């Protein structure tokens, strides 16, 4: 009996944090802009690190990464009628188009194929996604 109580107590201790995370309210991403800042602990100087922008439907439309000398890269996202990302455009530090990624999805709504193009539209690589599961 003592062993059973110990096991139950341990199970509850490990499960409680996971249950608490599931009950946290979701952030409304409609028209949201998230700015991430790095702060120097000695001087207190804040430096912009990352900006993520969402549209009125709550879809991520832009992401920008900054370094000490300005923009490192920028990504723009386009979505299909089904709400899935179909195109991702990556811009370099000079804000010039660098690469384009186009996505196809399988019948379960998961990524099936990713086509990677250069700025001139030449196909560079194709990535195929494979989903495997193991029976318990």
N, C-alpha and C. Protein backbone atom coordinates (compact mmCIF):
# COMPACT_ATOMS: atom_id res chain seq x y z
N UNK A 1 0.83 -1.19 0.00
CA UNK A 1 0.00 0.00 0.00
C UNK A 1 0.87 1.26 0.00
N UNK A 2 1.94 1.19 0.79
CA UNK A 2 2.85 2.33 0.87
C UNK A 2 3.49 2.61 -0.49
N UNK A 3 3.85 1.51 -1.20
CA UNK A 3 4.45 1.64 -2.54
C UNK A 3 3.46 2.29 -3.50
N UNK A 4 2.21 1.86 -3.43
CA UNK A 4 1.18 2.40 -4.31
C UNK A 4 0.98 3.89 -4.07
N UNK A 5 0.95 4.31 -2.82
CA UNK A 5 0.80 5.73 -2.51
C UNK A 5 2.00 6.53 -2.99
N UNK A 6 3.18 5.99 -2.87
CA UNK A 6 4.39 6.66 -3.35
C UNK A 6 4.35 6.82 -4.87
N UNK A 7 3.94 5.77 -5.55
CA UNK A 7 3.85 5.82 -7.02
C UNK A 7 2.82 6.85 -7.45
N UNK A 8 1.66 6.86 -6.79
CA UNK A 8 0.62 7.83 -7.13
C UNK A 8 1.09 9.26 -6.86
N UNK A 9 1.78 9.46 -5.77
CA UNK A 9 2.29 10.80 -5.45
C UNK A 9 3.30 11.26 -6.49
N UNK A 10 4.20 10.37 -6.89
CA UNK A 10 5.18 10.71 -7.93
C UNK A 10 4.49 11.00 -9.26
N UNK A 11 3.51 10.18 -9.61
CA UNK A 11 2.79 10.39 -10.87
C UNK A 11 2.10 11.75 -10.86
N UNK A 12 1.48 12.11 -9.75
CA UNK A 12 0.81 13.40 -9.66
C UNK A 12 1.82 14.55 -9.74
N UNK A 13 2.96 14.37 -9.08
CA UNK A 13 3.99 15.43 -9.08
C UNK A 13 4.50 15.69 -10.49
N UNK A 14 4.63 14.64 -11.29
CA UNK A 14 5.12 14.82 -12.66
C UNK A 14 4.02 15.27 -13.61
N UNK A 15 2.78 14.88 -13.34
CA UNK A 15 1.67 15.22 -14.23
C UNK A 15 1.13 16.62 -13.98
N UNK A 16 1.23 17.12 -12.76
CA UNK A 16 0.64 18.42 -12.41
C UNK A 16 1.17 19.57 -13.27
N UNK A 17 2.49 19.70 -13.49
CA UNK A 17 2.96 20.80 -14.34
C UNK A 17 2.44 20.70 -15.77
N UNK A 18 2.34 19.49 -16.30
CA UNK A 18 1.83 19.32 -17.66
C UNK A 18 0.37 19.73 -17.74
N UNK A 19 -0.41 19.39 -16.73
CA UNK A 19 -1.82 19.77 -16.71
C UNK A 19 -1.98 21.27 -16.58
N UNK A 20 -1.14 21.90 -15.81
CA UNK A 20 -1.20 23.35 -15.63
C UNK A 20 -0.91 24.08 -16.92
N UNK A 21 0.00 23.55 -17.74
CA UNK A 21 0.34 24.19 -19.01
C UNK A 21 -0.83 24.15 -19.98
N UNK A 22 -1.61 23.07 -19.96
CA UNK A 22 -2.73 22.93 -20.88
C UNK A 22 -3.84 23.92 -20.56
N UNK A 23 -3.94 24.40 -19.34
CA UNK A 23 -5.03 25.29 -18.97
C UNK A 23 -4.67 26.76 -19.16
N UNK A 24 -3.44 27.04 -19.54
CA UNK A 24 -3.04 28.44 -19.76
C UNK A 24 -3.82 29.01 -20.94
N UNK A 25 -4.30 30.25 -20.82
CA UNK A 25 -5.06 30.84 -21.92
C UNK A 25 -4.19 31.07 -23.15
N UNK A 26 -4.78 30.85 -24.32
CA UNK A 26 -4.08 31.06 -25.58
C UNK A 26 -4.05 32.55 -25.90
N UNK A 27 -2.97 32.97 -26.52
CA UNK A 27 -2.82 34.37 -26.90
C UNK A 27 -3.61 34.62 -28.18
N UNK A 28 -4.37 35.69 -28.21
CA UNK A 28 -5.07 36.09 -29.42
C UNK A 28 -4.04 36.72 -30.35
N UNK A 29 -3.74 36.07 -31.47
CA UNK A 29 -2.69 36.54 -32.37
C UNK A 29 -3.21 37.48 -33.46
N UNK A 30 -4.49 37.81 -33.45
CA UNK A 30 -5.04 38.68 -34.48
C UNK A 30 -4.40 40.06 -34.38
N UNK A 31 -3.80 40.50 -35.49
CA UNK A 31 -3.14 41.81 -35.59
C UNK A 31 -2.08 42.02 -34.51
N UNK A 32 -1.43 40.96 -34.11
CA UNK A 32 -0.43 41.01 -33.04
C UNK A 32 0.97 41.24 -33.61
N UNK A 33 1.75 42.04 -32.92
CA UNK A 33 3.17 42.23 -33.24
C UNK A 33 3.95 41.90 -31.97
N UNK A 34 4.86 40.95 -32.07
CA UNK A 34 5.68 40.57 -30.92
C UNK A 34 7.10 41.05 -31.17
N UNK A 35 7.61 41.88 -30.26
CA UNK A 35 8.98 42.36 -30.35
C UNK A 35 9.79 41.71 -29.24
N UNK A 36 10.96 41.18 -29.60
CA UNK A 36 11.85 40.57 -28.63
C UNK A 36 13.09 41.46 -28.50
N UNK A 37 13.46 41.75 -27.27
CA UNK A 37 14.57 42.65 -27.00
C UNK A 37 15.66 41.94 -26.20
N UNK A 38 16.91 42.23 -26.51
CA UNK A 38 18.04 41.80 -25.69
C UNK A 38 18.48 43.01 -24.87
N UNK A 39 18.75 42.77 -23.59
CA UNK A 39 19.17 43.85 -22.71
C UNK A 39 20.54 43.53 -22.12
N UNK A 40 21.45 44.46 -22.23
CA UNK A 40 22.77 44.31 -21.62
C UNK A 40 22.62 44.48 -20.11
N UNK A 41 23.02 43.47 -19.32
CA UNK A 41 22.82 43.57 -17.86
C UNK A 41 23.63 44.67 -17.19
N UNK A 42 24.74 45.06 -17.78
CA UNK A 42 25.56 46.11 -17.17
C UNK A 42 25.07 47.50 -17.50
N UNK A 43 24.81 47.74 -18.79
CA UNK A 43 24.42 49.10 -19.18
C UNK A 43 22.91 49.31 -19.19
N UNK A 44 22.16 48.20 -19.29
CA UNK A 44 20.71 48.31 -19.37
C UNK A 44 20.23 48.67 -20.77
N UNK A 45 21.14 48.76 -21.74
CA UNK A 45 20.78 49.12 -23.12
C UNK A 45 19.98 47.99 -23.76
N UNK A 46 18.83 48.36 -24.37
CA UNK A 46 17.97 47.41 -25.06
C UNK A 46 18.28 47.44 -26.56
N UNK A 47 18.35 46.24 -27.15
CA UNK A 47 18.59 46.11 -28.59
C UNK A 47 17.52 45.19 -29.16
N UNK A 48 16.84 45.64 -30.21
CA UNK A 48 15.80 44.83 -30.85
C UNK A 48 16.43 43.58 -31.45
N UNK A 49 15.84 42.41 -31.16
CA UNK A 49 16.37 41.13 -31.61
C UNK A 49 15.50 40.47 -32.67
N UNK A 50 14.18 40.53 -32.49
CA UNK A 50 13.29 39.76 -33.35
C UNK A 50 11.90 40.41 -33.35
N UNK A 51 11.24 40.43 -34.51
CA UNK A 51 9.86 40.94 -34.61
C UNK A 51 9.04 39.94 -35.40
N UNK A 52 7.89 39.55 -34.84
CA UNK A 52 6.97 38.65 -35.53
C UNK A 52 5.63 39.37 -35.65
N UNK A 53 5.05 39.37 -36.86
CA UNK A 53 3.81 40.08 -37.13
C UNK A 53 2.74 39.10 -37.62
N UNK A 54 1.52 39.24 -37.07
CA UNK A 54 0.38 38.41 -37.45
C UNK A 54 -0.70 39.29 -38.08
N UNK A 55 -1.49 38.71 -38.99
CA UNK A 55 -2.54 39.47 -39.67
C UNK A 55 -3.85 39.40 -38.89
N UNK A 56 -4.92 39.92 -39.49
CA UNK A 56 -6.22 39.98 -38.81
C UNK A 56 -6.83 38.60 -38.61
N UNK A 57 -6.32 37.59 -39.31
CA UNK A 57 -6.81 36.22 -39.12
C UNK A 57 -5.96 35.44 -38.12
N UNK A 58 -4.90 36.08 -37.60
CA UNK A 58 -4.02 35.42 -36.65
C UNK A 58 -2.94 34.58 -37.29
N UNK A 59 -2.72 34.77 -38.58
CA UNK A 59 -1.67 34.03 -39.31
C UNK A 59 -0.38 34.84 -39.29
N UNK A 60 0.75 34.15 -39.10
CA UNK A 60 2.05 34.82 -39.12
C UNK A 60 2.33 35.27 -40.55
N UNK A 61 2.56 36.57 -40.74
CA UNK A 61 2.81 37.09 -42.08
C UNK A 61 4.23 37.57 -42.28
N UNK A 62 4.93 37.87 -41.17
CA UNK A 62 6.31 38.35 -41.31
C UNK A 62 7.09 38.05 -40.04
N UNK A 63 8.37 37.76 -40.26
CA UNK A 63 9.29 37.53 -39.15
C UNK A 63 10.61 38.18 -39.54
N UNK A 64 11.18 38.97 -38.63
CA UNK A 64 12.44 39.67 -38.91
C UNK A 64 13.41 39.40 -37.76
N UNK A 65 14.64 39.04 -38.11
CA UNK A 65 15.71 38.82 -37.13
C UNK A 65 16.71 39.95 -37.28
N UNK A 66 17.09 40.56 -36.14
CA UNK A 66 18.03 41.67 -36.15
C UNK A 66 19.32 41.28 -35.46
N UNK A 67 20.41 41.90 -35.88
CA UNK A 67 21.69 41.77 -35.22
C UNK A 67 22.14 43.15 -34.76
N UNK A 68 23.34 43.24 -34.26
CA UNK A 68 23.84 44.52 -33.75
C UNK A 68 23.96 45.58 -34.85
N UNK A 69 24.11 45.12 -36.10
CA UNK A 69 24.26 46.06 -37.22
C UNK A 69 23.01 46.17 -38.09
N UNK A 70 21.87 45.72 -37.58
CA UNK A 70 20.62 45.85 -38.34
C UNK A 70 20.00 44.51 -38.68
N UNK A 71 19.17 44.51 -39.72
CA UNK A 71 18.43 43.31 -40.11
C UNK A 71 19.37 42.22 -40.59
N UNK A 72 19.18 40.98 -40.06
CA UNK A 72 19.93 39.81 -40.54
C UNK A 72 19.17 39.15 -41.68
N UNK A 73 17.88 38.93 -41.47
CA UNK A 73 17.00 38.34 -42.47
C UNK A 73 15.55 38.70 -42.17
N UNK A 74 14.71 38.49 -43.19
CA UNK A 74 13.28 38.74 -43.05
C UNK A 74 12.55 37.66 -43.83
N UNK A 75 11.44 37.16 -43.28
CA UNK A 75 10.62 36.15 -43.95
C UNK A 75 9.20 36.67 -44.08
N UNK A 76 8.60 36.44 -45.24
CA UNK A 76 7.19 36.76 -45.48
C UNK A 76 6.48 35.44 -45.78
N UNK A 77 5.25 35.31 -45.31
CA UNK A 77 4.49 34.07 -45.46
C UNK A 77 3.20 34.34 -46.22
N UNK A 78 2.84 33.39 -47.13
CA UNK A 78 1.56 33.46 -47.85
C UNK A 78 0.80 32.17 -47.57
N UNK A 79 -0.54 32.29 -47.49
CA UNK A 79 -1.38 31.16 -47.14
C UNK A 79 -2.39 30.86 -48.23
N UNK A 80 -2.74 29.57 -48.35
CA UNK A 80 -3.75 29.14 -49.31
C UNK A 80 -5.14 29.27 -48.72
N UNK A 81 -6.15 28.89 -49.52
CA UNK A 81 -7.55 28.99 -49.09
C UNK A 81 -7.83 28.13 -47.87
N UNK A 82 -7.05 27.04 -47.69
CA UNK A 82 -7.24 26.15 -46.55
C UNK A 82 -6.54 26.64 -45.28
N UNK A 83 -5.87 27.80 -45.36
CA UNK A 83 -5.21 28.38 -44.20
C UNK A 83 -3.79 27.88 -43.95
N UNK A 84 -3.29 27.01 -44.81
CA UNK A 84 -1.93 26.48 -44.65
C UNK A 84 -0.94 27.36 -45.41
N UNK A 85 0.27 27.47 -44.86
CA UNK A 85 1.33 28.24 -45.50
C UNK A 85 1.73 27.55 -46.80
N UNK A 86 1.64 28.27 -47.92
CA UNK A 86 1.99 27.69 -49.21
C UNK A 86 3.29 28.28 -49.77
N UNK A 87 3.70 29.43 -49.22
CA UNK A 87 4.90 30.10 -49.74
C UNK A 87 5.58 30.89 -48.64
N UNK A 88 6.90 30.78 -48.60
CA UNK A 88 7.72 31.52 -47.65
C UNK A 88 8.84 32.19 -48.43
N UNK A 89 8.93 33.51 -48.33
CA UNK A 89 9.97 34.26 -49.03
C UNK A 89 10.98 34.76 -48.01
N UNK A 90 12.26 34.46 -48.25
CA UNK A 90 13.32 34.84 -47.32
C UNK A 90 14.16 35.93 -47.96
N UNK A 91 14.31 37.04 -47.23
CA UNK A 91 15.08 38.20 -47.70
C UNK A 91 16.37 38.30 -46.89
N UNK A 92 17.43 38.77 -47.53
CA UNK A 92 18.73 38.87 -46.85
C UNK A 92 18.85 40.17 -46.06
N UNK A 93 20.04 40.42 -45.55
CA UNK A 93 20.28 41.61 -44.71
C UNK A 93 20.11 42.91 -45.49
N UNK A 94 20.19 42.87 -46.81
CA UNK A 94 19.98 44.06 -47.63
C UNK A 94 18.52 44.16 -48.09
N UNK A 95 17.66 43.29 -47.52
CA UNK A 95 16.24 43.25 -47.82
C UNK A 95 15.95 42.87 -49.27
N UNK A 96 16.85 42.05 -49.84
CA UNK A 96 16.66 41.53 -51.20
C UNK A 96 16.24 40.08 -51.11
N UNK A 97 15.33 39.68 -52.00
CA UNK A 97 14.84 38.30 -52.01
C UNK A 97 16.02 37.35 -52.19
N UNK A 98 16.11 36.36 -51.29
CA UNK A 98 17.21 35.40 -51.32
C UNK A 98 16.71 34.03 -51.78
N UNK A 99 15.70 33.51 -51.10
CA UNK A 99 15.14 32.20 -51.44
C UNK A 99 13.62 32.22 -51.29
N UNK A 100 12.98 31.29 -52.00
CA UNK A 100 11.54 31.09 -51.90
C UNK A 100 11.29 29.61 -51.63
N UNK A 101 10.44 29.35 -50.65
CA UNK A 101 10.06 27.98 -50.32
C UNK A 101 8.58 27.84 -50.61
N UNK A 102 8.22 26.80 -51.37
CA UNK A 102 6.81 26.52 -51.66
C UNK A 102 6.49 25.15 -51.07
N UNK A 103 5.28 25.05 -50.49
CA UNK A 103 4.90 23.84 -49.79
C UNK A 103 3.68 23.17 -50.40
N UNK A 104 3.69 21.82 -50.40
CA UNK A 104 2.52 21.01 -50.73
C UNK A 104 2.20 20.17 -49.50
N UNK A 105 0.93 19.85 -49.31
CA UNK A 105 0.48 19.11 -48.13
C UNK A 105 -0.18 17.81 -48.54
N UNK A 106 -0.12 16.80 -47.66
CA UNK A 106 -0.76 15.53 -47.92
C UNK A 106 -2.23 15.58 -47.50
N UNK A 107 -2.92 14.45 -47.66
CA UNK A 107 -4.36 14.41 -47.36
C UNK A 107 -4.67 14.58 -45.87
N UNK A 108 -3.65 14.49 -45.01
CA UNK A 108 -3.84 14.67 -43.57
C UNK A 108 -3.50 16.09 -43.12
N UNK A 109 -3.14 16.96 -44.08
CA UNK A 109 -2.83 18.35 -43.76
C UNK A 109 -1.40 18.57 -43.30
N UNK A 110 -0.55 17.57 -43.46
CA UNK A 110 0.86 17.71 -43.08
C UNK A 110 1.69 18.01 -44.32
N UNK A 111 2.83 18.67 -44.09
CA UNK A 111 3.71 18.99 -45.21
C UNK A 111 4.12 17.71 -45.93
N UNK A 112 4.01 17.74 -47.26
CA UNK A 112 4.40 16.60 -48.08
C UNK A 112 5.70 16.91 -48.81
N UNK A 113 5.77 18.10 -49.42
CA UNK A 113 6.93 18.46 -50.23
C UNK A 113 7.24 19.94 -50.04
N UNK A 114 8.54 20.25 -50.00
CA UNK A 114 9.00 21.64 -49.94
C UNK A 114 9.93 21.86 -51.12
N UNK A 115 9.62 22.86 -51.95
CA UNK A 115 10.44 23.22 -53.10
C UNK A 115 11.21 24.49 -52.75
N UNK A 116 12.52 24.46 -52.91
CA UNK A 116 13.37 25.61 -52.58
C UNK A 116 13.92 26.22 -53.86
N UNK A 117 13.64 27.52 -54.06
CA UNK A 117 14.04 28.24 -55.26
C UNK A 117 14.98 29.39 -54.88
N UNK A 118 15.84 29.77 -55.84
CA UNK A 118 16.64 30.98 -55.61
C UNK A 118 15.81 32.20 -55.99
N UNK A 119 16.39 33.37 -55.87
CA UNK A 119 15.65 34.62 -56.12
C UNK A 119 15.20 34.74 -57.58
N UNK A 120 15.88 34.06 -58.49
CA UNK A 120 15.51 34.14 -59.92
C UNK A 120 14.52 33.06 -60.32
N UNK A 121 14.09 32.24 -59.36
CA UNK A 121 13.08 31.22 -59.65
C UNK A 121 13.64 29.87 -60.05
N UNK A 122 14.95 29.68 -59.95
CA UNK A 122 15.56 28.40 -60.31
C UNK A 122 15.39 27.43 -59.13
N UNK A 123 14.88 26.23 -59.42
CA UNK A 123 14.70 25.22 -58.39
C UNK A 123 16.06 24.74 -57.89
N UNK A 124 16.28 24.86 -56.58
CA UNK A 124 17.56 24.46 -55.98
C UNK A 124 17.49 23.06 -55.38
N UNK A 125 16.50 22.82 -54.55
CA UNK A 125 16.35 21.53 -53.89
C UNK A 125 14.88 21.22 -53.66
N UNK A 126 14.60 19.94 -53.44
CA UNK A 126 13.26 19.49 -53.09
C UNK A 126 13.39 18.66 -51.82
N UNK A 127 12.59 19.00 -50.83
CA UNK A 127 12.59 18.23 -49.57
C UNK A 127 11.27 17.49 -49.50
N UNK A 128 11.35 16.18 -49.22
CA UNK A 128 10.15 15.35 -49.08
C UNK A 128 10.03 14.95 -47.61
N UNK A 129 8.82 15.13 -47.05
CA UNK A 129 8.57 14.80 -45.65
C UNK A 129 7.97 13.41 -45.57
N UNK A 130 8.49 12.60 -44.65
CA UNK A 130 7.99 11.25 -44.44
C UNK A 130 7.59 11.13 -42.98
N UNK A 131 6.38 10.61 -42.75
CA UNK A 131 5.86 10.50 -41.40
C UNK A 131 5.74 9.01 -41.05
N UNK A 132 6.48 8.59 -40.05
CA UNK A 132 6.48 7.19 -39.63
C UNK A 132 5.98 7.10 -38.19
N UNK A 133 5.26 6.02 -37.89
CA UNK A 133 4.84 5.81 -36.52
C UNK A 133 5.15 4.37 -36.15
N UNK A 134 5.40 4.16 -34.91
CA UNK A 134 5.67 2.81 -34.41
C UNK A 134 4.51 2.38 -33.53
N UNK A 135 4.10 1.13 -33.70
CA UNK A 135 3.04 0.61 -32.83
C UNK A 135 3.59 0.35 -31.45
N UNK A 136 2.80 0.65 -30.45
CA UNK A 136 3.23 0.46 -29.06
C UNK A 136 3.20 -0.99 -28.64
